[in-house]
């Protein structure tokens, strides 16, 4: 069905790269904040069509790289925002960072296209498995960067519920299979309509399966109440001595505010990442004031800690008495933001990281751990970027009752970055069948149930609080049991089979 008869007409050489970039850019419109999944799929099908018209060798590499450049150039456009916080010092790096990030990630796709072009019998099928393998690789290689996976095209519609079965990499594989079948249907001569029928059937199955897997809304009448605090401190003001006290007082005021009519007093209050403006070692007075404001509720807050050149991006839990019950240190740090790879080399050119502790950056914590919140249950804490990694959530010591993310999305600006981060948090909830509490400095703060539905939220750029019942966990999902291993095994077997069939043809 995806054999070598599916070949597109050749293209003029100089047209190929611009078209590839446009295809990738259209694909990115399927992601948040646009959520135009049908355009995302159209761009993906066009990318397969370009591949089918590409000669082997460097032309295939260029096509794949161009698609990736357009896709990541649009989807990761927010990458320039951290450099503009102090534009006079780091603004010059912004275009280089965007092109370097987009072009570097696009190399994964270029290699996938190159490998698939060497499969003479089933090139479209080869591209499906190699492209999915490339997405899998970029989620794990070095520190990994699974942001804007192809499977996230579905986050705004019902098929995303299938992430509870196959995870994001399974969603990517299924999406690529659909695009390959649709492309083969466009290229195959009538009356052979099998590829088109397969594509339509798969698309219908995705929507029907997603609808079937969507659980009904839960009864929250007797559930504990949580409060999320959103101070809305712009990054260029957050650490300015003129504004530090104002933002801290704002959080205290929101913490002690009376609940809305017909709502109960909160049992848990969550502040965002690095919300406490002093180091933990010097925070006794701040913690005392925070405890008084919490009025007997548990309080979770982001804070920095450390000494003697070793610093951590941390989360603290203050119990109902104000005691420091637990500390969690972020373990999956942002390269070039929270630590500098090969820092000694970059320091020769006076290039440092963007984090507050930029010289050597933060030190990673030991790994995932659970917070014990007594009657509220156990929570898996995630600080900012950690919610992007499904494998980090899967590695939880045991199944928590809910996920708890604190983040400072002021780094991501006001356009696509915060909404993409929120979308990925929703997918983590779906994968695990667990609710997520998400407190973000500038937004979007949200209470998300185990089906990824946003039950309450505060929009971007708004200071305020969110009071909501804490949703209960759903039943254990297949993905929470097995993680990425089944998809990894399927990708390995698929690539080996295609390599074997290609080798037999060449022999």
Foldseek 3Di string as FASTA:
>chain_A
DQWLLQAAAADDQVVQLVLLLVLLLQLLCLAPPNVPLVSNLVSLLVLLRSLRNFAADPRQLSSQLSSQLNNQLNQVVLQLLLQVLVCVVRNVCRVVVSNVVSNVLSNQRSVQSNVLNLLNTRSLLSSLLSVLVSLVCQQPPPLHDNFPQSLNSCLVAQLLLCCQAANSSVSSSLSSLLSSLCSSCVRDDPPPNVSVVVNVVSVVCSRVVSVVSQDDDDDQPPFAKEKFFALLQQPSRCLPVVCVVVSLVLRLCQQQDDDDPPDDQHQEYEYFWQSNVDAPVPCPVVLVSSLVSNQQHKYKYWHKYDDPLAIFGKIFIQHSVSDGDDIDTAASDDDLAQADDVLVVVVVVPRWGSYPSTNGGHHGDPAWEWDQRDPNWIETEDEAPRLLRLVRVLPYPDDTFAYEYHYACSSSPQGGVQVSSLSSNLSSLSNFQHWYFYHYHQDFGFTAGSSSDTPDTDHGRDGHMDMDGHYTGDDGGNCSVPPNVVVVVVSVVSNVVSVVSSVVVVD
